[in-house]
C-alpha cells in the first residue's frame, strides 16, 4: 500500500524538477542556484530535491539518487505537466512550506490546475532536451460539468 502523503511530496518534488528544467523556456532566464544563473540537469536537480541523508556515503547516495530519478522523476513523465502544475500551485498557496490544503470539490482549483498543466505541457514540448518527456505526456482538458449535483434516484 502506498502512502498518499509521501506520494504527494514526491509528486511535488518531481514537479519542481520539471519547473526547473522548463524555466528558461518559460521565462527566458536560467534557474538560479546558489546565487548564479545556470543550466541545471535532471540528475543535478534530483540531487537538490532529495538531499543526502545523514551518515550516507557518496556511493550509496549516488545510487539512491539514480534510483529516485528513475522511479520518482522519470516515472512521472506521463504526468510531468500535472506534477509541475501541482508544485506551482502548492507554492502559490503555501510559499512558506506549510502543507497545502484544498478542497477536492473546489472546481476553481481544478480548473487552474488543468490550465497550468496544459501551459507547462507546451513548455515541456518546446524545451530542448525534454523530447522523451514530451512524447510521454498525457493530454488533459477540462470539461465543465453540465450540472452541479447528482440527481436523486427514484425508488
N, C-alpha and C. Protein backbone atom coordinates (compact mmCIF):
# COMPACT_ATOMS: atom_id res chain seq x y z
N UNK A 1 0.85 -1.18 0.00
CA UNK A 1 0.00 0.00 0.00
C UNK A 1 0.88 1.24 0.00
N UNK A 2 0.51 2.22 -0.79
CA UNK A 2 1.31 3.43 -0.86
C UNK A 2 0.85 4.44 0.17
N UNK A 3 1.76 5.30 0.54
CA UNK A 3 1.49 6.36 1.47
C UNK A 3 1.13 7.60 0.65
N UNK A 4 -0.12 8.04 0.70
CA UNK A 4 -0.57 9.14 -0.15
C UNK A 4 0.18 10.43 0.14
N UNK A 5 0.53 10.69 1.40
CA UNK A 5 1.28 11.90 1.74
C UNK A 5 2.66 11.85 1.09
N UNK A 6 3.33 10.72 1.18
CA UNK A 6 4.64 10.57 0.56
C UNK A 6 4.52 10.70 -0.97
N UNK A 7 3.47 10.14 -1.55
CA UNK A 7 3.26 10.26 -2.99
C UNK A 7 3.08 11.71 -3.39
N UNK A 8 2.32 12.46 -2.61
CA UNK A 8 2.11 13.88 -2.91
C UNK A 8 3.43 14.64 -2.79
N UNK A 9 4.21 14.35 -1.76
CA UNK A 9 5.51 15.02 -1.59
C UNK A 9 6.43 14.69 -2.77
N UNK A 10 6.46 13.43 -3.18
CA UNK A 10 7.30 13.04 -4.32
C UNK A 10 6.81 13.67 -5.61
N UNK A 11 5.50 13.79 -5.77
CA UNK A 11 4.94 14.44 -6.95
C UNK A 11 5.34 15.91 -6.98
N UNK A 12 5.28 16.57 -5.82
CA UNK A 12 5.71 17.97 -5.76
C UNK A 12 7.19 18.10 -6.09
N UNK A 13 8.01 17.20 -5.60
CA UNK A 13 9.43 17.24 -5.91
C UNK A 13 9.66 17.03 -7.41
N UNK A 14 8.98 16.03 -7.98
CA UNK A 14 9.10 15.79 -9.43
C UNK A 14 8.63 17.02 -10.19
N UNK A 15 7.55 17.63 -9.73
CA UNK A 15 7.05 18.85 -10.36
C UNK A 15 8.04 19.98 -10.28
N UNK A 16 8.70 20.13 -9.13
CA UNK A 16 9.73 21.19 -9.01
C UNK A 16 10.89 20.91 -9.95
N UNK A 17 11.23 19.64 -10.14
CA UNK A 17 12.30 19.30 -11.09
C UNK A 17 11.89 19.73 -12.49
N UNK A 18 10.65 19.46 -12.88
CA UNK A 18 10.17 19.86 -14.20
C UNK A 18 10.18 21.38 -14.33
N UNK A 19 9.70 22.09 -13.30
CA UNK A 19 9.70 23.55 -13.34
C UNK A 19 11.11 24.10 -13.54
N UNK A 20 12.08 23.47 -12.90
CA UNK A 20 13.47 23.89 -13.06
C UNK A 20 13.93 23.67 -14.50
N UNK A 21 13.56 22.53 -15.07
CA UNK A 21 14.01 22.20 -16.42
C UNK A 21 13.36 23.08 -17.50
N UNK A 22 12.15 23.60 -17.24
CA UNK A 22 11.47 24.42 -18.25
C UNK A 22 11.56 25.92 -17.96
N UNK A 23 12.24 26.30 -16.91
CA UNK A 23 12.30 27.72 -16.51
C UNK A 23 12.81 28.62 -17.64
N UNK A 24 13.88 28.22 -18.29
CA UNK A 24 14.44 29.06 -19.36
C UNK A 24 13.45 29.20 -20.51
N UNK A 25 12.71 28.15 -20.82
CA UNK A 25 11.70 28.22 -21.88
C UNK A 25 10.57 29.15 -21.48
N UNK A 26 10.14 29.08 -20.23
CA UNK A 26 9.02 29.89 -19.75
C UNK A 26 9.38 31.36 -19.53
N UNK A 27 10.56 31.61 -18.99
CA UNK A 27 10.91 32.97 -18.57
C UNK A 27 12.03 33.60 -19.37
N UNK A 28 12.76 32.79 -20.12
CA UNK A 28 13.93 33.31 -20.84
C UNK A 28 15.15 33.42 -19.96
N UNK A 29 15.03 32.99 -18.71
CA UNK A 29 16.16 33.05 -17.77
C UNK A 29 16.44 31.67 -17.21
N UNK A 30 17.71 31.39 -17.02
CA UNK A 30 18.11 30.12 -16.42
C UNK A 30 17.75 30.12 -14.93
N UNK A 31 17.57 28.94 -14.36
CA UNK A 31 17.33 28.87 -12.91
C UNK A 31 18.53 29.41 -12.14
N UNK A 32 18.26 29.88 -10.95
CA UNK A 32 19.32 30.40 -10.08
C UNK A 32 19.63 29.35 -9.03
N UNK A 33 20.89 28.99 -8.93
CA UNK A 33 21.34 28.05 -7.90
C UNK A 33 22.53 28.68 -7.20
N UNK A 34 22.39 28.81 -5.88
CA UNK A 34 23.42 29.43 -5.05
C UNK A 34 23.87 30.78 -5.62
N UNK A 35 22.88 31.59 -6.00
CA UNK A 35 23.13 32.95 -6.44
C UNK A 35 23.58 33.10 -7.89
N UNK A 36 23.70 32.01 -8.62
CA UNK A 36 24.15 32.08 -10.01
C UNK A 36 23.12 31.46 -10.93
N UNK A 37 22.92 32.11 -12.08
CA UNK A 37 22.08 31.51 -13.10
C UNK A 37 22.88 30.42 -13.79
N UNK A 38 22.29 29.25 -13.93
CA UNK A 38 23.00 28.16 -14.59
C UNK A 38 22.02 27.13 -15.11
N UNK A 39 22.47 26.40 -16.12
CA UNK A 39 21.69 25.30 -16.67
C UNK A 39 21.78 24.13 -15.69
N UNK A 40 20.63 23.61 -15.28
CA UNK A 40 20.61 22.50 -14.34
C UNK A 40 20.10 21.26 -15.05
N UNK A 41 20.77 20.15 -14.84
CA UNK A 41 20.36 18.89 -15.43
C UNK A 41 19.36 18.19 -14.52
N UNK A 42 18.70 17.18 -15.06
CA UNK A 42 17.76 16.40 -14.26
C UNK A 42 18.49 15.70 -13.12
N UNK A 43 19.66 15.17 -13.40
CA UNK A 43 20.45 14.48 -12.38
C UNK A 43 20.80 15.44 -11.24
N UNK A 44 21.27 16.62 -11.58
CA UNK A 44 21.66 17.61 -10.58
C UNK A 44 20.44 18.07 -9.78
N UNK A 45 19.33 18.33 -10.47
CA UNK A 45 18.11 18.78 -9.81
C UNK A 45 17.59 17.72 -8.85
N UNK A 46 17.67 16.45 -9.25
CA UNK A 46 17.24 15.36 -8.38
C UNK A 46 18.07 15.34 -7.10
N UNK A 47 19.37 15.60 -7.22
CA UNK A 47 20.22 15.63 -6.03
C UNK A 47 19.84 16.77 -5.10
N UNK A 48 19.41 17.89 -5.65
CA UNK A 48 18.99 19.03 -4.83
C UNK A 48 17.68 18.69 -4.10
N UNK A 49 16.76 18.08 -4.82
CA UNK A 49 15.43 17.82 -4.25
C UNK A 49 15.39 16.65 -3.28
N UNK A 50 16.33 15.70 -3.43
CA UNK A 50 16.45 14.57 -2.50
C UNK A 50 17.87 14.61 -1.94
N UNK A 51 18.10 15.43 -0.93
CA UNK A 51 19.46 15.58 -0.39
C UNK A 51 20.00 14.31 0.28
N UNK A 52 21.27 14.34 0.46
CA UNK A 52 21.98 13.23 1.10
C UNK A 52 21.50 13.05 2.54
N UNK A 53 21.34 11.82 2.96
CA UNK A 53 20.94 11.52 4.33
C UNK A 53 22.16 11.56 5.25
N UNK A 54 21.90 11.77 6.52
CA UNK A 54 22.99 11.75 7.49
C UNK A 54 23.66 10.38 7.47
N UNK A 55 24.96 10.34 7.55
CA UNK A 55 25.75 9.11 7.57
C UNK A 55 25.65 8.28 6.28
N UNK A 56 25.26 8.92 5.16
CA UNK A 56 25.15 8.21 3.89
C UNK A 56 26.43 8.49 3.08
N UNK A 57 27.15 7.44 2.72
CA UNK A 57 28.38 7.65 1.95
C UNK A 57 28.03 8.06 0.51
N UNK A 58 28.99 8.61 -0.18
CA UNK A 58 28.79 9.17 -1.52
C UNK A 58 28.25 8.13 -2.51
N UNK A 59 28.84 6.94 -2.52
CA UNK A 59 28.41 5.91 -3.48
C UNK A 59 26.97 5.48 -3.23
N UNK A 60 26.62 5.27 -1.97
CA UNK A 60 25.25 4.88 -1.62
C UNK A 60 24.28 5.99 -2.02
N UNK A 61 24.66 7.23 -1.73
CA UNK A 61 23.81 8.38 -2.07
C UNK A 61 23.59 8.47 -3.58
N UNK A 62 24.65 8.37 -4.36
CA UNK A 62 24.51 8.47 -5.82
C UNK A 62 23.67 7.34 -6.39
N UNK A 63 23.77 6.14 -5.81
CA UNK A 63 22.93 5.03 -6.25
C UNK A 63 21.46 5.31 -5.91
N UNK A 64 21.24 5.87 -4.72
CA UNK A 64 19.87 6.19 -4.31
C UNK A 64 19.29 7.29 -5.20
N UNK A 65 20.08 8.32 -5.49
CA UNK A 65 19.62 9.41 -6.35
C UNK A 65 19.28 8.89 -7.75
N UNK A 66 20.12 8.01 -8.28
CA UNK A 66 19.85 7.44 -9.59
C UNK A 66 18.54 6.65 -9.56
N UNK A 67 18.32 5.89 -8.52
CA UNK A 67 17.09 5.12 -8.37
C UNK A 67 15.89 6.07 -8.23
N UNK A 68 16.04 7.12 -7.44
CA UNK A 68 14.96 8.10 -7.28
C UNK A 68 14.63 8.78 -8.60
N UNK A 69 15.67 9.13 -9.35
CA UNK A 69 15.45 9.78 -10.64
C UNK A 69 14.64 8.86 -11.55
N UNK A 70 15.00 7.58 -11.57
CA UNK A 70 14.29 6.62 -12.41
C UNK A 70 12.84 6.42 -11.94
N UNK A 71 12.65 6.25 -10.65
CA UNK A 71 11.32 5.91 -10.13
C UNK A 71 10.43 7.11 -9.89
N UNK A 72 10.99 8.14 -9.28
CA UNK A 72 10.16 9.26 -8.82
C UNK A 72 10.05 10.40 -9.83
N UNK A 73 11.08 10.59 -10.65
CA UNK A 73 11.02 11.69 -11.61
C UNK A 73 10.64 11.16 -12.99
N UNK A 74 11.44 10.26 -13.54
CA UNK A 74 11.11 9.72 -14.86
C UNK A 74 9.79 8.96 -14.83
N UNK A 75 9.46 8.37 -13.72
CA UNK A 75 8.18 7.68 -13.58
C UNK A 75 6.98 8.62 -13.69
N UNK A 76 7.22 9.91 -13.47
CA UNK A 76 6.16 10.92 -13.58
C UNK A 76 6.09 11.53 -14.98
N UNK A 77 6.91 11.11 -15.92
CA UNK A 77 6.92 11.73 -17.24
C UNK A 77 5.54 11.84 -17.88
N UNK A 78 4.70 10.81 -17.86
CA UNK A 78 3.38 10.96 -18.49
C UNK A 78 2.53 12.06 -17.85
N UNK A 79 2.77 12.34 -16.58
CA UNK A 79 2.01 13.38 -15.88
C UNK A 79 2.93 14.49 -15.37
N UNK A 80 4.05 14.68 -16.04
CA UNK A 80 5.02 15.70 -15.61
C UNK A 80 4.40 17.09 -15.57
N UNK A 81 3.57 17.39 -16.55
CA UNK A 81 2.91 18.70 -16.59
C UNK A 81 1.94 18.86 -15.42
N UNK A 82 1.25 17.78 -15.03
CA UNK A 82 0.36 17.84 -13.87
C UNK A 82 1.16 18.00 -12.58
N UNK A 83 2.28 17.28 -12.49
CA UNK A 83 3.14 17.40 -11.31
C UNK A 83 3.70 18.81 -11.20
N UNK A 84 4.12 19.38 -12.34
CA UNK A 84 4.66 20.74 -12.33
C UNK A 84 3.58 21.74 -11.91
N UNK A 85 2.37 21.57 -12.43
CA UNK A 85 1.27 22.45 -12.06
C UNK A 85 0.93 22.32 -10.58
N UNK A 86 0.96 21.07 -10.09
CA UNK A 86 0.69 20.84 -8.66
C UNK A 86 1.74 21.56 -7.81
N UNK A 87 3.02 21.42 -8.18
CA UNK A 87 4.10 22.08 -7.42
C UNK A 87 3.95 23.59 -7.49
N UNK A 88 3.62 24.11 -8.66
CA UNK A 88 3.44 25.55 -8.85
C UNK A 88 2.31 26.07 -7.96
N UNK A 89 1.15 25.40 -8.02
CA UNK A 89 0.00 25.84 -7.24
C UNK A 89 0.24 25.65 -5.74
N UNK A 90 0.93 24.57 -5.37
CA UNK A 90 1.25 24.36 -3.95
C UNK A 90 2.13 25.49 -3.43
N UNK A 91 3.10 25.91 -4.24
CA UNK A 91 3.97 27.02 -3.84
C UNK A 91 3.17 28.32 -3.77
N UNK A 92 2.27 28.52 -4.70
CA UNK A 92 1.44 29.72 -4.72
C UNK A 92 0.52 29.76 -3.49
N UNK A 93 -0.02 28.60 -3.11
CA UNK A 93 -0.96 28.54 -1.99
C UNK A 93 -0.26 28.54 -0.64
N UNK A 94 0.96 28.01 -0.57
CA UNK A 94 1.65 27.92 0.70
C UNK A 94 3.14 28.11 0.53
N UNK A 95 3.58 29.31 0.13
CA UNK A 95 5.00 29.52 -0.15
C UNK A 95 5.91 29.36 1.06
N UNK A 96 5.34 29.27 2.24
CA UNK A 96 6.16 29.14 3.44
C UNK A 96 6.62 27.70 3.68
N UNK A 97 6.13 26.78 2.87
CA UNK A 97 6.48 25.37 3.06
C UNK A 97 5.45 24.63 3.90
N UNK A 98 4.42 25.35 4.36
CA UNK A 98 3.36 24.69 5.12
C UNK A 98 2.59 23.76 4.18
N UNK A 99 2.00 22.71 4.72
CA UNK A 99 1.24 21.79 3.87
C UNK A 99 0.14 22.52 3.10
N UNK A 100 -0.01 22.17 1.85
CA UNK A 100 -1.03 22.77 1.01
C UNK A 100 -2.35 22.04 1.25
N UNK A 101 -3.38 22.82 1.50
CA UNK A 101 -4.69 22.25 1.75
C UNK A 101 -5.68 22.86 0.77
N UNK A 102 -6.46 22.01 0.13
CA UNK A 102 -7.52 22.50 -0.73
C UNK A 102 -8.66 21.48 -0.67
N UNK A 103 -9.83 21.93 -1.03
CA UNK A 103 -10.98 21.04 -1.06
C UNK A 103 -11.00 20.31 -2.40
N UNK A 104 -11.17 19.00 -2.37
CA UNK A 104 -11.23 18.25 -3.61
C UNK A 104 -12.47 18.62 -4.42
N UNK A 105 -13.42 19.33 -3.82
CA UNK A 105 -14.62 19.79 -4.52
C UNK A 105 -14.44 21.18 -5.13
N UNK A 106 -13.28 21.79 -4.93
CA UNK A 106 -13.01 23.14 -5.42
C UNK A 106 -12.75 23.12 -6.92
N UNK A 107 -13.79 23.37 -7.69
CA UNK A 107 -13.65 23.33 -9.15
C UNK A 107 -12.70 24.41 -9.67
N UNK A 108 -12.70 25.55 -9.02
CA UNK A 108 -11.79 26.62 -9.47
C UNK A 108 -10.34 26.16 -9.37
N UNK A 109 -10.00 25.47 -8.29
CA UNK A 109 -8.64 24.94 -8.15
C UNK A 109 -8.35 23.95 -9.27
N UNK A 110 -9.26 23.05 -9.53
CA UNK A 110 -9.05 22.04 -10.57
C UNK A 110 -8.96 22.67 -11.96
N UNK A 111 -9.78 23.68 -12.22
CA UNK A 111 -9.67 24.40 -13.50
C UNK A 111 -8.27 25.01 -13.65
N UNK A 112 -7.82 25.66 -12.59
CA UNK A 112 -6.49 26.29 -12.63
C UNK A 112 -5.40 25.23 -12.80
N UNK A 113 -5.56 24.09 -12.13
CA UNK A 113 -4.58 23.01 -12.22
C UNK A 113 -4.48 22.50 -13.66
N UNK A 114 -5.61 22.25 -14.29
CA UNK A 114 -5.61 21.77 -15.67
C UNK A 114 -5.05 22.83 -16.61
N UNK A 115 -5.45 24.09 -16.44
CA UNK A 115 -4.94 25.16 -17.30
C UNK A 115 -3.42 25.30 -17.15
N UNK A 116 -2.94 25.28 -15.94
CA UNK A 116 -1.50 25.40 -15.69
C UNK A 116 -0.76 24.18 -16.23
N UNK A 117 -1.34 22.99 -16.07
CA UNK A 117 -0.73 21.77 -16.60
C UNK A 117 -0.59 21.85 -18.11
N UNK A 118 -1.61 22.35 -18.79
CA UNK A 118 -1.53 22.48 -20.25
C UNK A 118 -0.49 23.52 -20.66
N UNK A 119 -0.38 24.59 -19.88
CA UNK A 119 0.67 25.59 -20.14
C UNK A 119 2.06 24.94 -20.01
N UNK A 120 2.25 24.17 -18.95
CA UNK A 120 3.54 23.52 -18.74
C UNK A 120 3.80 22.42 -19.78
N UNK A 121 2.75 21.76 -20.24
CA UNK A 121 2.92 20.74 -21.29
C UNK A 121 3.51 21.40 -22.54
N UNK A 122 3.01 22.57 -22.88
CA UNK A 122 3.56 23.29 -24.04
C UNK A 122 5.02 23.67 -23.81
N UNK A 123 5.33 24.10 -22.61
CA UNK A 123 6.72 24.46 -22.29
C UNK A 123 7.63 23.24 -22.37
N UNK A 124 7.16 22.11 -21.88
CA UNK A 124 7.95 20.87 -21.95
C UNK A 124 8.21 20.52 -23.40
N UNK A 125 7.17 20.64 -24.23
CA UNK A 125 7.32 20.30 -25.66
C UNK A 125 8.29 21.25 -26.37
N UNK A 126 8.41 22.47 -25.88
CA UNK A 126 9.30 23.45 -26.51
C UNK A 126 10.72 23.42 -25.97
N UNK A 127 10.95 22.74 -24.86
CA UNK A 127 12.26 22.75 -24.21
C UNK A 127 13.16 21.68 -24.82
N UNK A 128 14.28 22.15 -25.35
CA UNK A 128 15.26 21.23 -25.94
C UNK A 128 15.79 20.29 -24.87
N UNK A 129 15.90 19.02 -25.21
CA UNK A 129 16.40 18.03 -24.26
C UNK A 129 15.31 17.30 -23.51
N UNK A 130 14.06 17.76 -23.63
CA UNK A 130 12.96 17.11 -22.93
C UNK A 130 12.03 16.36 -23.90
N UNK A 131 12.56 15.99 -25.04
CA UNK A 131 11.76 15.30 -26.05
C UNK A 131 11.16 14.00 -25.51
N UNK A 132 11.95 13.23 -24.77
CA UNK A 132 11.46 11.97 -24.21
C UNK A 132 10.29 12.21 -23.26
N UNK A 133 10.39 13.22 -22.43
CA UNK A 133 9.30 13.58 -21.52
C UNK A 133 8.09 14.03 -22.33
N UNK A 134 8.31 14.89 -23.31
CA UNK A 134 7.22 15.44 -24.11
C UNK A 134 6.43 14.35 -24.84
N UNK A 135 7.12 13.35 -25.32
CA UNK A 135 6.46 12.26 -26.05
C UNK A 135 5.54 11.43 -25.15
N UNK A 136 5.80 11.43 -23.86
CA UNK A 136 5.03 10.59 -22.93
C UNK A 136 3.86 11.32 -22.26
N UNK A 137 3.78 12.64 -22.42
CA UNK A 137 2.73 13.41 -21.74
C UNK A 137 1.33 12.95 -22.15
N UNK A 138 0.47 12.82 -21.16
CA UNK A 138 -0.93 12.54 -21.47
C UNK A 138 -1.60 13.87 -21.80
N UNK A 139 -2.61 13.82 -22.65
CA UNK A 139 -3.41 15.01 -22.94
C UNK A 139 -4.50 15.12 -21.90
N UNK A 140 -4.74 16.34 -21.47
CA UNK A 140 -5.78 16.56 -20.47
C UNK A 140 -6.51 17.85 -20.81
N UNK A 141 -7.80 17.84 -20.59
CA UNK A 141 -8.59 19.05 -20.80
C UNK A 141 -9.71 19.09 -19.77
N UNK A 142 -10.13 20.29 -19.46
CA UNK A 142 -11.20 20.48 -18.50
C UNK A 142 -12.53 20.43 -19.26
N UNK A 143 -13.44 19.60 -18.79
CA UNK A 143 -14.78 19.55 -19.34
C UNK A 143 -15.72 19.99 -18.23
N UNK A 144 -16.38 21.09 -18.47
CA UNK A 144 -17.28 21.64 -17.45
C UNK A 144 -18.49 20.72 -17.26
N UNK A 145 -18.80 20.38 -16.01
CA UNK A 145 -19.98 19.53 -15.77
C UNK A 145 -21.25 20.25 -16.21
N UNK A 146 -22.22 19.47 -16.61
CA UNK A 146 -23.49 20.06 -17.07
C UNK A 146 -24.39 20.45 -15.93
N UNK A 147 -24.17 19.84 -14.76
CA UNK A 147 -24.99 20.17 -13.60
C UNK A 147 -24.14 20.12 -12.34
N UNK A 148 -24.58 20.82 -11.31
CA UNK A 148 -23.81 20.91 -10.07
C UNK A 148 -24.03 19.75 -9.13
N UNK A 149 -25.12 19.04 -9.26
CA UNK A 149 -25.37 17.95 -8.33
C UNK A 149 -25.88 16.73 -9.08
N UNK A 150 -25.78 15.63 -8.43
CA UNK A 150 -26.26 14.37 -8.99
C UNK A 150 -27.74 14.27 -8.69
N UNK A 151 -28.56 13.97 -9.71
CA UNK A 151 -29.99 13.88 -9.43
C UNK A 151 -30.30 12.71 -8.52
N UNK A 152 -31.31 12.87 -7.71
CA UNK A 152 -31.67 11.78 -6.80
C UNK A 152 -32.30 10.65 -7.61
N UNK A 153 -32.10 9.45 -7.14
CA UNK A 153 -32.63 8.26 -7.82
C UNK A 153 -34.06 8.01 -7.38
N UNK A 154 -34.88 7.60 -8.34
CA UNK A 154 -36.27 7.23 -8.00
C UNK A 154 -36.25 5.80 -7.48
N UNK A 155 -37.06 5.53 -6.51
CA UNK A 155 -37.10 4.18 -5.93
C UNK A 155 -38.27 3.44 -6.46
